[in-house]
Protein backbone atom coordinates (compact mmCIF):
# COMPACT_ATOMS: atom_id res chain seq x y z
CA UNK A 1 12.24 14.42 -1.35
CA UNK A 2 11.78 12.33 -4.46
CA UNK A 3 15.12 11.43 -6.07
CA UNK A 4 15.64 9.81 -9.48
CA UNK A 5 18.88 8.28 -10.73
CA UNK A 6 19.30 7.95 -14.50
CA UNK A 7 21.97 5.57 -15.79
CA UNK A 8 22.90 3.84 -19.03
CA UNK A 9 23.39 0.25 -17.83
CA UNK A 10 22.40 -1.89 -14.89
CA UNK A 11 25.17 -1.23 -12.29
CA UNK A 12 26.15 2.31 -13.48
CA UNK A 13 24.39 4.10 -10.63
CA UNK A 14 25.48 1.49 -8.12
CA UNK A 15 29.12 2.12 -9.08
CA UNK A 16 28.88 5.89 -8.97
CA UNK A 17 26.17 6.83 -6.49
CA UNK A 18 24.68 3.94 -4.50
CA UNK A 19 26.37 4.96 -1.25
CA UNK A 20 24.68 8.35 -1.58
CA UNK A 21 21.34 6.80 -2.53
CA UNK A 22 21.53 4.50 0.50
CA UNK A 23 22.22 7.54 2.68
CA UNK A 24 19.28 9.46 1.25
CA UNK A 25 16.99 6.46 1.71
CA UNK A 26 18.08 6.16 5.36
CA UNK A 27 17.04 9.81 5.77
CA UNK A 28 13.53 9.02 4.53
CA UNK A 29 13.70 10.16 0.91
CA UNK A 30 11.95 8.21 -1.89
CA UNK A 31 14.51 7.03 -4.43
CA UNK A 32 14.17 5.48 -7.89
CA UNK A 33 16.44 4.36 -10.76
CA UNK A 34 15.82 4.68 -14.50
CA UNK A 35 18.08 2.41 -16.60
CA UNK A 36 18.29 3.20 -20.31
CA UNK A 37 19.84 0.04 -21.86
CA UNK A 38 19.51 -3.70 -21.37
CA UNK A 39 23.22 -4.36 -20.72
CA UNK A 40 23.29 -7.24 -23.18
CA UNK A 41 26.91 -6.68 -24.33
CA UNK A 42 28.74 -6.60 -20.99
CA UNK A 43 30.40 -10.01 -20.81
CA UNK A 44 33.64 -11.73 -21.85
CA UNK A 45 32.21 -15.18 -21.08
CA UNK A 46 32.32 -17.21 -24.36
CA UNK A 47 29.26 -19.18 -23.22
CA UNK A 48 27.15 -16.11 -22.53
CA UNK A 49 24.44 -14.99 -24.97
CA UNK A 50 22.92 -11.53 -25.33
CA UNK A 51 19.42 -12.67 -24.39
CA UNK A 52 20.64 -14.50 -21.31
CA UNK A 53 22.81 -11.60 -20.21
CA UNK A 54 20.09 -8.98 -20.51
CA UNK A 55 17.79 -11.14 -18.35
CA UNK A 56 20.52 -11.66 -15.77
CA UNK A 57 21.48 -8.00 -15.62
CA UNK A 58 17.89 -6.86 -15.17
CA UNK A 59 17.48 -9.31 -12.29
CA UNK A 60 20.80 -8.16 -10.79
CA UNK A 61 19.73 -4.52 -10.89
CA UNK A 62 16.42 -5.35 -9.24
CA UNK A 63 18.26 -7.22 -6.47
CA UNK A 64 20.68 -4.32 -5.96
CA UNK A 65 17.73 -1.92 -5.77
CA UNK A 66 16.10 -4.13 -3.15
CA UNK A 67 19.31 -4.12 -1.10
CA UNK A 68 19.49 -0.31 -1.21
CA UNK A 69 15.78 0.17 -0.51
CA UNK A 70 14.78 1.89 -3.74
CA UNK A 71 11.07 2.39 -4.34
CA UNK A 72 11.30 1.09 -7.91
CA UNK A 73 13.52 0.64 -10.97
CA UNK A 74 12.37 1.55 -14.49
CA UNK A 75 13.95 -0.01 -17.60
CA UNK A 76 13.83 1.55 -21.08
CA UNK A 77 15.50 -1.52 -22.68
CA UNK A 78 17.48 0.18 -25.44
CA UNK A 79 20.17 -2.06 -26.93
CA UNK A 80 23.47 -1.91 -25.07
CA UNK A 81 26.24 0.02 -26.94
CA UNK A 82 23.67 1.62 -29.29
CA UNK A 83 22.21 4.33 -27.05
CA UNK A 84 21.69 7.69 -28.73
CA UNK A 85 20.70 10.96 -27.08
CA UNK A 86 17.89 11.43 -29.58
CA UNK A 87 14.42 12.87 -29.13
CA UNK A 88 12.93 9.40 -28.56
CA UNK A 89 15.15 8.74 -25.54
CA UNK A 90 14.64 12.27 -24.21
CA UNK A 91 10.86 11.89 -24.43
CA UNK A 92 11.03 8.58 -22.56
CA UNK A 93 13.00 10.25 -19.78
CA UNK A 94 10.65 13.24 -19.71
CA UNK A 95 7.73 10.84 -19.27
CA UNK A 96 9.34 9.42 -16.12
CA UNK A 97 10.32 12.88 -14.84
CA UNK A 98 6.76 14.15 -15.19
CA UNK A 99 5.38 10.98 -13.63
CA UNK A 100 7.65 10.90 -10.56
CA UNK A 101 8.22 14.68 -10.30
CA UNK A 102 11.63 14.34 -8.60
CA UNK A 103 13.20 17.13 -6.58
CA UNK A 104 16.65 15.75 -7.37
CA UNK A 105 18.05 13.93 -10.43
CA UNK A 106 21.35 12.05 -10.39
CA UNK A 107 22.93 11.10 -13.71
CA UNK A 108 26.23 10.59 -15.54
CA UNK A 109 28.41 13.48 -16.71
CA UNK A 110 28.16 13.63 -20.53
CA UNK A 111 31.28 15.82 -20.74
CA UNK A 112 33.46 13.08 -19.24
CA UNK A 113 34.91 11.46 -22.37
CA UNK A 114 38.24 10.04 -21.18
CA UNK A 115 40.74 10.04 -18.33
CA UNK A 116 44.47 10.34 -18.91
CA UNK A 117 45.22 9.49 -15.27
CA UNK A 118 43.18 6.28 -15.31
CA UNK A 119 43.80 5.32 -18.94
CA UNK A 120 40.06 5.19 -19.40
CA UNK A 121 37.56 5.95 -22.18
CA UNK A 122 34.05 6.60 -20.94
CA UNK A 123 31.43 4.36 -22.56
CA UNK A 124 29.43 6.09 -25.30
CA UNK A 125 26.20 4.88 -23.64
CA UNK A 126 27.20 6.71 -20.45
CA UNK A 127 27.64 9.94 -22.37
CA UNK A 128 24.38 9.50 -24.29
CA UNK A 129 22.39 8.74 -21.14
CA UNK A 130 23.86 11.75 -19.36
CA UNK A 131 23.21 14.11 -22.27
CA UNK A 132 19.64 12.89 -22.75
CA UNK A 133 18.99 13.21 -19.02
CA UNK A 134 20.31 16.78 -18.93
CA UNK A 135 18.20 17.79 -21.91
CA UNK A 136 15.14 16.08 -20.45
CA UNK A 137 15.58 17.90 -17.14
CA UNK A 138 16.07 21.24 -18.90
CA UNK A 139 14.26 22.37 -20.90
CA UNK A 140 12.11 19.47 -22.09
CA UNK A 141 10.37 18.38 -18.87
CA UNK A 142 9.80 22.02 -17.94
CA UNK A 143 8.25 23.42 -21.10
CA UNK A 144 4.49 23.10 -21.49
CA UNK A 145 4.59 23.21 -25.28
CA UNK A 146 7.06 20.31 -25.46
CA UNK A 147 5.48 16.85 -25.84
CA UNK A 148 1.93 18.16 -25.61
CA UNK A 149 0.66 14.60 -25.87
CA UNK A 150 2.14 13.88 -22.43
CA UNK A 151 0.18 16.76 -20.94
CA UNK A 152 -2.98 15.24 -22.42
CA UNK A 153 -2.12 12.07 -20.45
CA UNK A 154 -1.99 14.11 -17.25
CA UNK A 155 1.81 14.34 -17.22
CA UNK A 156 2.17 18.08 -16.72
CA UNK A 157 5.47 20.01 -16.89
CA UNK A 158 7.91 19.65 -14.02
CA UNK A 159 10.97 21.58 -12.82
CA UNK A 160 13.79 19.62 -11.20
CA UNK A 161 15.41 21.56 -8.36
CA UNK A 162 18.85 19.95 -8.13
CA UNK A 163 21.02 17.91 -10.47
CA UNK A 164 23.97 15.74 -9.47
CA UNK A 165 26.42 14.47 -12.10
CA UNK A 166 28.54 11.52 -11.00
CA UNK A 167 32.14 12.72 -11.01
CA UNK A 168 35.12 10.47 -10.29
CA UNK A 169 37.82 13.04 -11.05
CA UNK A 170 36.64 16.64 -10.56
CA UNK A 171 33.77 16.68 -8.07
CA UNK A 172 32.39 19.90 -6.63
CA UNK A 173 30.24 18.10 -4.08
CA UNK A 174 31.61 15.40 -1.76
CA UNK A 175 29.09 13.22 0.06
CA UNK A 176 30.07 11.25 3.15
CA UNK A 177 29.12 7.58 2.65
CA UNK A 178 31.05 6.22 5.61
CA UNK A 179 27.83 4.86 7.07
CA UNK A 180 26.62 3.28 3.81
CA UNK A 181 29.80 2.07 2.10
CA UNK A 182 29.15 -1.55 3.07
CA UNK A 183 25.61 -1.31 1.66
CA UNK A 184 27.11 0.03 -1.58
CA UNK A 185 29.47 -2.95 -1.71
CA UNK A 186 26.58 -5.33 -1.05
CA UNK A 187 24.50 -3.75 -3.82
CA UNK A 188 27.41 -3.95 -6.25
CA UNK A 189 27.96 -7.59 -5.30
CA UNK A 190 24.46 -8.32 -6.65
CA UNK A 191 25.83 -7.60 -10.13
CA UNK A 192 27.48 -11.01 -10.32
CA UNK A 193 28.00 -10.92 -14.10
CA UNK A 194 30.01 -7.69 -13.77
CA UNK A 195 31.79 -7.45 -10.42
CA UNK A 196 34.93 -9.18 -9.21
CA UNK A 197 36.43 -9.11 -5.74
CA UNK A 198 39.29 -7.05 -7.15
CA UNK A 199 36.83 -4.48 -8.52
CA UNK A 200 35.10 -4.21 -5.15
CA UNK A 201 38.47 -3.65 -3.51
CA UNK A 202 39.29 -0.82 -5.95
CA UNK A 203 35.91 0.82 -5.38
CA UNK A 204 36.48 0.82 -1.64
CA UNK A 205 39.99 2.23 -2.09
CA UNK A 206 38.75 5.06 -4.34
CA UNK A 207 36.01 5.94 -1.85
CA UNK A 208 38.67 6.09 0.86
CA UNK A 209 41.00 8.29 -1.21
CA UNK A 210 38.19 10.75 -1.98
CA UNK A 211 37.06 10.74 1.65
CA UNK A 212 40.58 11.36 2.96
CA UNK A 213 40.67 14.72 1.16
CA UNK A 214 37.66 15.80 3.23
CA UNK A 215 38.84 14.07 6.43
CA UNK A 216 36.07 11.47 6.28
CA UNK A 217 36.36 7.72 5.90
CA UNK A 218 34.55 7.12 2.60
CA UNK A 219 32.96 9.43 0.02
CA UNK A 220 31.33 9.74 -3.39
CA UNK A 221 31.82 12.74 -5.65
CA UNK A 222 29.45 14.73 -7.85
CA UNK A 223 29.13 17.94 -9.79
CA UNK A 224 26.10 19.64 -8.23
CA UNK A 225 23.87 22.06 -10.11
CA UNK A 226 21.11 24.04 -8.40
CA UNK A 227 18.60 24.88 -11.11
CA UNK A 228 16.55 28.09 -11.34
CA UNK A 229 12.97 28.01 -10.11
C-alpha cells in the first residue's frame, strides 16, 4: 500500500503515529509525510530565532523520517500558528493526494479541541491541518470537476480507501507497536528542539497504558474510517 501522513508541524506525526508507520514500513508499505507548517514558533529558548528554528525543525523531521524509513517528506511551509483550513491549503493537499494516490491517509482529528483529563488545549494548527486533510480526502481529491487545472497537469481524481485520525483519548482502532516502540522513541529523539527525556518517558508510559487495555505491551490509537468506493 501507499500511506500518507498529514500533520501540522514537524514532529506531530512522530508523536501520534510513528510507531504505526514504522510497523507498516516493516511490512513493505510505502509511507510518506506531508507537513503543513514550518514550526517556526515552537521554542521557549530566548536565543532562538524563527528563521533558525524553521531550518532546524525541517532538518529534524527529515532525520526522523530517515530513521523510520519513510520514502519522502513534503513540506508546505505555511507559517506556524497561522494555519487555516482554507481552499488554498486544501488544494495543496489534494495535489499531493493525486500525485501519490495513497490507499491510506493518517491525519489529526479536527474535532479534538481540548481535554479535561489532561488539562490540554489542542493547537489550532492541528485542527486546521486535520480539517483540511479530511476535506481534501473527501470530496475534493475525488471529484473530477474540482481543481480542473490539476487534471490538466495529469493529476487525475483519486479515492482514498481508509482514513486514520490520531486519537489519544477515544480510539476505535488500537495498533500494536510493541515491536516498533523503540524506533518511535528514536525518531522522536531526532526532534532535539522539541523533545525532553521527560517527554519521551511520558510517551512510553502512555503507549503502555493504551496497550495494557488490549493486553499488548505498547500501542497507538486511532479513529478508523473505511471510505466508500
